[in-house]
Amino acid sequence: ETFLVTVPPALQDEKLHCYKHPGQEFTYVLEGRLKIVLDGHELVLTRGDSLYFDSGMEHAMLAMDNAPAKFISVVV
């Protein structure tokens, strides 16, 4: 499955929503800066960055810099 995802800017003190599902996930950032929390580790991706991970691990995504972030996600 392929998704085009836009993450709106986070509200102050907004709680992260963690996800966990079967499969593998590939994320490619198109716009903005995206903080990804993956199994308790934080990564920051910017335009052109990508990440491949086991989506059975808890993960959450948060747009940074008070601006939306847009990415393509492929789940297999």
Protein backbone atom coordinates (compact mmCIF):
# COMPACT_ATOMS: atom_id res chain seq x y z
CA GLU A 1 0.00 0.00 0.00
CA THR A 2 1.24 3.48 -0.87
CA PHE A 3 0.12 6.65 0.90
CA LEU A 4 0.75 10.36 0.46
CA VAL A 5 0.67 11.76 3.99
CA THR A 6 0.58 15.37 5.19
CA VAL A 7 1.30 15.87 8.87
CA PRO A 8 -0.03 19.21 10.16
CA PRO A 9 2.12 21.32 12.49
CA ALA A 10 2.00 20.03 16.03
CA LEU A 11 0.11 21.96 18.65
CA GLN A 12 2.07 22.93 21.73
CA ASP A 13 2.14 20.05 24.24
CA GLU A 14 0.44 17.75 21.72
CA LYS A 15 0.81 14.11 22.69
CA LEU A 16 2.40 11.80 20.13
CA HIS A 17 0.16 9.07 18.76
CA CYS A 18 2.12 5.84 18.36
CA TYR A 19 1.29 3.28 15.68
CA LYS A 20 2.25 -0.36 15.28
CA HIS A 21 1.15 -2.69 12.47
CA PRO A 22 2.40 -5.73 10.58
CA GLY A 23 4.84 -5.32 7.70
CA GLN A 24 7.73 -3.15 6.61
CA GLU A 25 7.48 0.58 5.94
CA PHE A 26 9.40 2.91 3.65
CA THR A 27 9.07 6.66 4.23
CA TYR A 28 10.33 9.34 1.81
CA VAL A 29 10.04 13.01 2.84
CA LEU A 30 8.80 15.41 0.14
CA GLU A 31 8.43 18.63 2.16
CA GLY A 32 9.22 19.98 5.62
CA ARG A 33 11.00 18.43 8.57
CA LEU A 34 9.62 15.28 10.14
CA LYS A 35 10.49 13.93 13.58
CA ILE A 36 10.07 10.18 13.73
CA VAL A 37 10.06 8.35 17.03
CA LEU A 38 10.89 4.72 16.30
CA ASP A 39 10.96 2.26 19.17
CA GLY A 40 11.91 5.09 21.55
CA HIS A 41 14.63 6.61 19.31
CA GLU A 42 14.14 10.03 17.72
CA LEU A 43 15.19 10.82 14.15
CA VAL A 44 14.71 14.01 12.15
CA LEU A 45 14.21 13.68 8.40
CA THR A 46 14.13 16.52 5.86
CA ARG A 47 13.21 16.76 2.18
CA GLY A 48 14.86 13.94 0.25
CA ASP A 49 15.55 11.77 3.32
CA SER A 50 14.14 8.26 3.59
CA LEU A 51 13.76 5.54 6.20
CA TYR A 52 12.97 1.84 5.98
CA PHE A 53 11.83 0.05 9.15
CA ASP A 54 9.83 -2.81 10.64
CA SER A 55 6.41 -1.25 11.19
CA GLY A 56 5.74 -3.76 13.97
CA MET A 57 7.86 -1.43 16.15
CA GLU A 58 6.01 1.46 17.75
CA HIS A 59 6.41 4.60 15.66
CA ALA A 60 5.10 8.16 15.65
CA MET A 61 5.60 11.12 13.32
CA LEU A 62 5.52 14.82 14.11
CA ALA A 63 5.93 17.83 11.79
CA MET A 64 8.53 20.31 13.00
CA ASP A 65 9.22 24.05 12.68
CA ASN A 66 5.53 24.97 13.04
CA ALA A 67 4.97 23.86 9.43
CA PRO A 68 3.39 20.80 7.81
CA ALA A 69 5.49 17.91 6.54
CA LYS A 70 4.58 15.77 3.53
CA PHE A 71 5.89 12.27 2.84
CA ILE A 72 5.24 9.14 0.83
CA SER A 73 4.80 5.97 2.85
CA VAL A 74 4.93 2.50 1.33
CA VAL A 75 3.81 -0.40 3.54
CA VAL A 76 4.51 -3.98 2.47
